[in-house]
C-alpha cells in the first residue's frame, strides 16, 4: 500500500467530515446532544478540567455512505460567563474551541484504548451485540499548552479508505 492510500492518518488531525469526503465517501454528521454544563466530579469523566468549569458538551456521530462508524463526546471549556446560545455545534471541535475560549489548537495528545462499545454508543451506531471498538481520548492544546478541548471518540471498524493508520519515519543509526 502506498502512502497516499493509507486512509486516516492518526498523525494528522482533520475534521471527520473532510476525511470522509477525501476518502471518496458521502459524509454524514448528526449532532446527537449539545448543551452548556458545569463539570462535576464523576467516575466516567475523561477530562482533567477542574470541577466547576463551564463547558459546552456535544455528542456527534459521523457516517460514511450512510453507515455510522464514529461517535464523539466533546468537552469545550467556556471562558466567557455567558453561555453561547448562538453557536453552531456541528462545527469541528477545534473551531468551536477557538470560538468559545479563544484557543487556537496547535496540537493534540491522543490516548488509544481498545474497548467494548458502551450501550449509548452502540445504540447510535446501530450495533445489535457487544462490539469491539477503539476509544481515542484527545486533549487539544494551544501553542502555550492551554487546554482548548477534551474529546472522547469511539470508532468501530471503518470503511477501508478510512481505517486508522500511523505513518512513521524509519531512521537507521
C-alpha atoms as a PDB file:
ATOM      1  CA  UNK A   1       0.000   0.000   0.000  1.00  0.00           C
ATOM      2  CA  UNK A   2       1.324   3.415  -0.934  1.00  0.00           C
ATOM      3  CA  UNK A   3       1.458   6.383   1.459  1.00  0.00           C
ATOM      4  CA  UNK A   4      -1.360   8.230  -0.324  1.00  0.00           C
ATOM      5  CA  UNK A   5      -3.656   5.201   0.122  1.00  0.00           C
ATOM      6  CA  UNK A   6      -3.224   4.508   3.839  1.00  0.00           C
ATOM      7  CA  UNK A   7      -6.515   6.021   4.944  1.00  0.00           C
ATOM      8  CA  UNK A   8      -6.983   8.138   8.037  1.00  0.00           C
ATOM      9  CA  UNK A   9      -3.534   9.124   9.301  1.00  0.00           C
ATOM     10  CA  UNK A  10      -3.581   9.392  13.090  1.00  0.00           C
ATOM     11  CA  UNK A  11      -0.502  11.645  12.965  1.00  0.00           C
ATOM     12  CA  UNK A  12      -2.630  14.333  11.259  1.00  0.00           C
ATOM     13  CA  UNK A  13      -5.873  15.803  12.560  1.00  0.00           C
ATOM     14  CA  UNK A  14      -8.658  16.902  10.233  1.00  0.00           C
ATOM     15  CA  UNK A  15     -12.407  17.034  10.704  1.00  0.00           C
ATOM     16  CA  UNK A  16     -14.122  13.669  10.184  1.00  0.00           C
ATOM     17  CA  UNK A  17     -16.461  15.059   7.512  1.00  0.00           C
ATOM     18  CA  UNK A  18     -13.483  16.271   5.479  1.00  0.00           C
ATOM     19  CA  UNK A  19     -11.647  12.936   5.899  1.00  0.00           C
ATOM     20  CA  UNK A  20     -14.753  11.003   4.840  1.00  0.00           C
ATOM     21  CA  UNK A  21     -15.206  13.134   1.707  1.00  0.00           C
ATOM     22  CA  UNK A  22     -11.497  12.936   0.810  1.00  0.00           C
ATOM     23  CA  UNK A  23     -11.718   9.149   1.025  1.00  0.00           C
ATOM     24  CA  UNK A  24     -14.484   9.179  -1.591  1.00  0.00           C
ATOM     25  CA  UNK A  25     -17.462   8.540   0.693  1.00  0.00           C
ATOM     26  CA  UNK A  26     -20.533  10.696   1.305  1.00  0.00           C
ATOM     27  CA  UNK A  27     -20.061  12.223   4.769  1.00  0.00           C
ATOM     28  CA  UNK A  28     -22.851  12.385   7.312  1.00  0.00           C
ATOM     29  CA  UNK A  29     -22.838  14.238  10.636  1.00  0.00           C
ATOM     30  CA  UNK A  30     -25.523  14.211  13.291  1.00  0.00           C
ATOM     31  CA  UNK A  31     -25.329  16.290  16.466  1.00  0.00           C
ATOM     32  CA  UNK A  32     -26.967  13.938  18.951  1.00  0.00           C
ATOM     33  CA  UNK A  33     -26.716  16.105  22.070  1.00  0.00           C
ATOM     34  CA  UNK A  34     -25.382  19.540  22.943  1.00  0.00           C
ATOM     35  CA  UNK A  35     -25.626  21.895  25.849  1.00  0.00           C
ATOM     36  CA  UNK A  36     -23.780  24.041  28.343  1.00  0.00           C
ATOM     37  CA  UNK A  37     -22.823  22.160  31.504  1.00  0.00           C
ATOM     38  CA  UNK A  38     -20.884  22.753  34.696  1.00  0.00           C
ATOM     39  CA  UNK A  39     -18.356  19.951  35.183  1.00  0.00           C
ATOM     40  CA  UNK A  40     -18.801  17.868  38.321  1.00  0.00           C
ATOM     41  CA  UNK A  41     -16.767  15.030  39.806  1.00  0.00           C
ATOM     42  CA  UNK A  42     -17.945  11.759  38.197  1.00  0.00           C
ATOM     43  CA  UNK A  43     -16.173   8.434  37.711  1.00  0.00           C
ATOM     44  CA  UNK A  44     -16.775   8.450  33.928  1.00  0.00           C
ATOM     45  CA  UNK A  45     -15.068  11.825  33.312  1.00  0.00           C
ATOM     46  CA  UNK A  46     -12.295  11.598  30.722  1.00  0.00           C
ATOM     47  CA  UNK A  47     -11.002  15.173  31.043  1.00  0.00           C
ATOM     48  CA  UNK A  48      -8.766  16.743  33.671  1.00  0.00           C
ATOM     49  CA  UNK A  49     -10.521  20.117  33.771  1.00  0.00           C
ATOM     50  CA  UNK A  50     -11.324  21.481  37.228  1.00  0.00           C
ATOM     51  CA  UNK A  51     -14.736  20.716  38.729  1.00  0.00           C
ATOM     52  CA  UNK A  52     -16.974  23.740  38.317  1.00  0.00           C
ATOM     53  CA  UNK A  53     -15.680  24.553  34.813  1.00  0.00           C
ATOM     54  CA  UNK A  54     -18.387  25.891  32.496  1.00  0.00           C
ATOM     55  CA  UNK A  55     -18.228  23.931  29.222  1.00  0.00           C
ATOM     56  CA  UNK A  56     -20.069  23.133  26.037  1.00  0.00           C
ATOM     57  CA  UNK A  57     -20.684  19.377  25.778  1.00  0.00           C
ATOM     58  CA  UNK A  58     -21.552  17.881  22.412  1.00  0.00           C
ATOM     59  CA  UNK A  59     -22.119  14.333  21.227  1.00  0.00           C
ATOM     60  CA  UNK A  60     -21.719  13.836  17.471  1.00  0.00           C
ATOM     61  CA  UNK A  61     -21.952  10.850  15.148  1.00  0.00           C
ATOM     62  CA  UNK A  62     -20.340  10.553  11.713  1.00  0.00           C
ATOM     63  CA  UNK A  63     -21.186   8.181   8.897  1.00  0.00           C
ATOM     64  CA  UNK A  64     -19.702   7.277   5.535  1.00  0.00           C
ATOM     65  CA  UNK A  65     -22.193   6.476   2.772  1.00  0.00           C
ATOM     66  CA  UNK A  66     -24.913   6.267   5.435  1.00  0.00           C
ATOM     67  CA  UNK A  67     -23.071   3.789   7.667  1.00  0.00           C
ATOM     68  CA  UNK A  68     -22.225   5.177  11.115  1.00  0.00           C
ATOM     69  CA  UNK A  69     -18.776   4.345  12.437  1.00  0.00           C
ATOM     70  CA  UNK A  70     -17.677   7.014  14.945  1.00  0.00           C
ATOM     71  CA  UNK A  71     -19.251   8.777  17.942  1.00  0.00           C
ATOM     72  CA  UNK A  72     -17.507  11.610  19.801  1.00  0.00           C
ATOM     73  CA  UNK A  73     -18.224  13.431  23.040  1.00  0.00           C
ATOM     74  CA  UNK A  74     -16.527  16.835  23.237  1.00  0.00           C
ATOM     75  CA  UNK A  75     -15.984  18.972  26.324  1.00  0.00           C
ATOM     76  CA  UNK A  76     -15.003  22.551  25.452  1.00  0.00           C
ATOM     77  CA  UNK A  77     -14.297  24.943  28.330  1.00  0.00           C
ATOM     78  CA  UNK A  78     -16.011  28.305  28.001  1.00  0.00           C
ATOM     79  CA  UNK A  79     -14.062  31.324  29.189  1.00  0.00           C
ATOM     80  CA  UNK A  80     -16.916  33.808  28.921  1.00  0.00           C
ATOM     81  CA  UNK A  81     -19.513  33.588  31.694  1.00  0.00           C
ATOM     82  CA  UNK A  82     -22.435  33.905  29.250  1.00  0.00           C
ATOM     83  CA  UNK A  83     -23.494  30.572  27.670  1.00  0.00           C
ATOM     84  CA  UNK A  84     -23.021  30.511  23.856  1.00  0.00           C
ATOM     85  CA  UNK A  85     -26.634  30.198  22.807  1.00  0.00           C
ATOM     86  CA  UNK A  86     -25.963  31.006  19.134  1.00  0.00           C
ATOM     87  CA  UNK A  87     -23.120  28.556  18.457  1.00  0.00           C
ATOM     88  CA  UNK A  88     -23.460  26.063  15.549  1.00  0.00           C
ATOM     89  CA  UNK A  89     -22.491  22.851  17.364  1.00  0.00           C
ATOM     90  CA  UNK A  90     -21.926  20.894  14.135  1.00  0.00           C
ATOM     91  CA  UNK A  91     -18.632  22.722  13.586  1.00  0.00           C
ATOM     92  CA  UNK A  92     -15.332  20.868  14.113  1.00  0.00           C
ATOM     93  CA  UNK A  93     -14.264  20.805  17.773  1.00  0.00           C
ATOM     94  CA  UNK A  94     -11.164  22.907  17.069  1.00  0.00           C
ATOM     95  CA  UNK A  95     -13.327  25.672  15.527  1.00  0.00           C
ATOM     96  CA  UNK A  96     -15.764  25.558  18.450  1.00  0.00           C
ATOM     97  CA  UNK A  97     -12.890  25.800  20.935  1.00  0.00           C
ATOM     98  CA  UNK A  98     -11.458  28.874  19.256  1.00  0.00           C
ATOM     99  CA  UNK A  99     -14.892  30.500  19.321  1.00  0.00           C
ATOM    100  CA  UNK A 100     -15.674  29.587  22.952  1.00  0.00           C
ATOM    101  CA  UNK A 101     -12.314  30.003  24.673  1.00  0.00           C
ATOM    102  CA  UNK A 102     -10.070  31.798  22.177  1.00  0.00           C
ATOM    103  CA  UNK A 103      -7.519  28.985  21.984  1.00  0.00           C
ATOM    104  CA  UNK A 104      -6.252  28.144  18.507  1.00  0.00           C
ATOM    105  CA  UNK A 105      -5.424  24.437  18.623  1.00  0.00           C
ATOM    106  CA  UNK A 106      -1.765  23.798  17.812  1.00  0.00           C
ATOM    107  CA  UNK A 107      -1.548  20.106  18.691  1.00  0.00           C
ATOM    108  CA  UNK A 108      -3.317  17.205  20.386  1.00  0.00           C
ATOM    109  CA  UNK A 109      -2.348  14.477  22.766  1.00  0.00           C
ATOM    110  CA  UNK A 110      -4.187  11.229  21.965  1.00  0.00           C
ATOM    111  CA  UNK A 111      -4.594   8.064  24.045  1.00  0.00           C
ATOM    112  CA  UNK A 112      -5.788   4.863  22.292  1.00  0.00           C
ATOM    113  CA  UNK A 113      -7.633   2.088  24.159  1.00  0.00           C
ATOM    114  CA  UNK A 114      -9.454  -0.995  22.832  1.00  0.00           C
ATOM    115  CA  UNK A 115     -12.951  -1.164  24.370  1.00  0.00           C
ATOM    116  CA  UNK A 116     -16.286  -2.899  24.159  1.00  0.00           C
ATOM    117  CA  UNK A 117     -18.651  -0.261  22.812  1.00  0.00           C
ATOM    118  CA  UNK A 118     -20.936   1.004  25.613  1.00  0.00           C
ATOM    119  CA  UNK A 119     -24.721   0.828  25.264  1.00  0.00           C
ATOM    120  CA  UNK A 120     -25.126   4.560  24.440  1.00  0.00           C
ATOM    121  CA  UNK A 121     -22.635   4.450  21.536  1.00  0.00           C
ATOM    122  CA  UNK A 122     -23.924   1.026  20.439  1.00  0.00           C
ATOM    123  CA  UNK A 123     -27.433   2.446  20.087  1.00  0.00           C
ATOM    124  CA  UNK A 124     -26.153   5.366  17.966  1.00  0.00           C
ATOM    125  CA  UNK A 125     -24.034   3.067  15.815  1.00  0.00           C
ATOM    126  CA  UNK A 126     -26.916   0.570  15.353  1.00  0.00           C
ATOM    127  CA  UNK A 127     -24.997  -2.306  16.935  1.00  0.00           C
ATOM    128  CA  UNK A 128     -27.098  -5.303  17.994  1.00  0.00           C
ATOM    129  CA  UNK A 129     -24.482  -7.086  20.102  1.00  0.00           C
ATOM    130  CA  UNK A 130     -21.362  -6.221  22.067  1.00  0.00           C
ATOM    131  CA  UNK A 131     -18.762  -4.970  19.612  1.00  0.00           C
ATOM    132  CA  UNK A 132     -15.081  -4.190  19.948  1.00  0.00           C
ATOM    133  CA  UNK A 133     -14.140  -0.625  19.266  1.00  0.00           C
ATOM    134  CA  UNK A 134     -11.300   1.803  19.582  1.00  0.00           C
ATOM    135  CA  UNK A 135     -11.537   4.622  22.113  1.00  0.00           C
ATOM    136  CA  UNK A 136      -9.471   7.712  21.418  1.00  0.00           C
ATOM    137  CA  UNK A 137      -9.249  10.394  24.092  1.00  0.00           C
ATOM    138  CA  UNK A 138      -7.907  13.696  22.798  1.00  0.00           C
ATOM    139  CA  UNK A 139      -6.711  16.790  24.581  1.00  0.00           C
ATOM    140  CA  UNK A 140      -6.477  19.740  22.186  1.00  0.00           C
ATOM    141  CA  UNK A 141      -3.906  22.307  23.248  1.00  0.00           C
ATOM    142  CA  UNK A 142      -2.896  25.770  22.152  1.00  0.00           C
ATOM    143  CA  UNK A 143       0.659  26.894  21.438  1.00  0.00           C
ATOM    144  CA  UNK A 144       1.167  27.789  25.116  1.00  0.00           C
ATOM    145  CA  UNK A 145      -0.294  24.493  26.448  1.00  0.00           C
ATOM    146  CA  UNK A 146      -3.707  25.972  27.287  1.00  0.00           C
ATOM    147  CA  UNK A 147      -6.471  23.345  27.066  1.00  0.00           C
ATOM    148  CA  UNK A 148      -8.826  24.064  24.167  1.00  0.00           C
ATOM    149  CA  UNK A 149     -10.922  20.886  24.490  1.00  0.00           C
ATOM    150  CA  UNK A 150     -11.142  17.274  25.556  1.00  0.00           C
ATOM    151  CA  UNK A 151     -12.792  14.695  23.341  1.00  0.00           C
ATOM    152  CA  UNK A 152     -13.632  11.012  23.713  1.00  0.00           C
ATOM    153  CA  UNK A 153     -14.272   9.163  20.488  1.00  0.00           C
ATOM    154  CA  UNK A 154     -15.485   5.611  19.895  1.00  0.00           C
ATOM    155  CA  UNK A 155     -14.776   4.098  16.493  1.00  0.00           C
ATOM    156  CA  UNK A 156     -15.881   0.761  15.128  1.00  0.00           C
ATOM    157  CA  UNK A 157     -14.464  -0.864  12.001  1.00  0.00           C
ATOM    158  CA  UNK A 158     -14.235   1.912   9.443  1.00  0.00           C
ATOM    159  CA  UNK A 159     -14.675   1.610   5.695  1.00  0.00           C
ATOM    160  CA  UNK A 160     -11.414   0.582   4.024  1.00  0.00           C
ATOM    161  CA  UNK A 161     -10.231   4.033   2.944  1.00  0.00           C
ATOM    162  CA  UNK A 162     -10.898   5.428   6.424  1.00  0.00           C
ATOM    163  CA  UNK A 163      -9.002   2.895   8.510  1.00  0.00           C
ATOM    164  CA  UNK A 164      -6.666   4.467  11.070  1.00  0.00           C
ATOM    165  CA  UNK A 165      -3.023   4.328  10.062  1.00  0.00           C
ATOM    166  CA  UNK A 166       0.114   5.595  11.718  1.00  0.00           C
ATOM    167  CA  UNK A 167       2.864   6.590   9.322  1.00  0.00           C
ATOM    168  CA  UNK A 168       6.334   6.509  10.857  1.00  0.00           C
ATOM    169  CA  UNK A 169       9.647   7.631   9.509  1.00  0.00           C
ATOM    170  CA  UNK A 170      12.340   4.941   9.600  1.00  0.00           C
ATOM    171  CA  UNK A 171      15.742   6.085  10.755  1.00  0.00           C
ATOM    172  CA  UNK A 172      18.758   3.876  10.898  1.00  0.00           C
ATOM    173  CA  UNK A 173      21.534   4.515  13.332  1.00  0.00           C
END
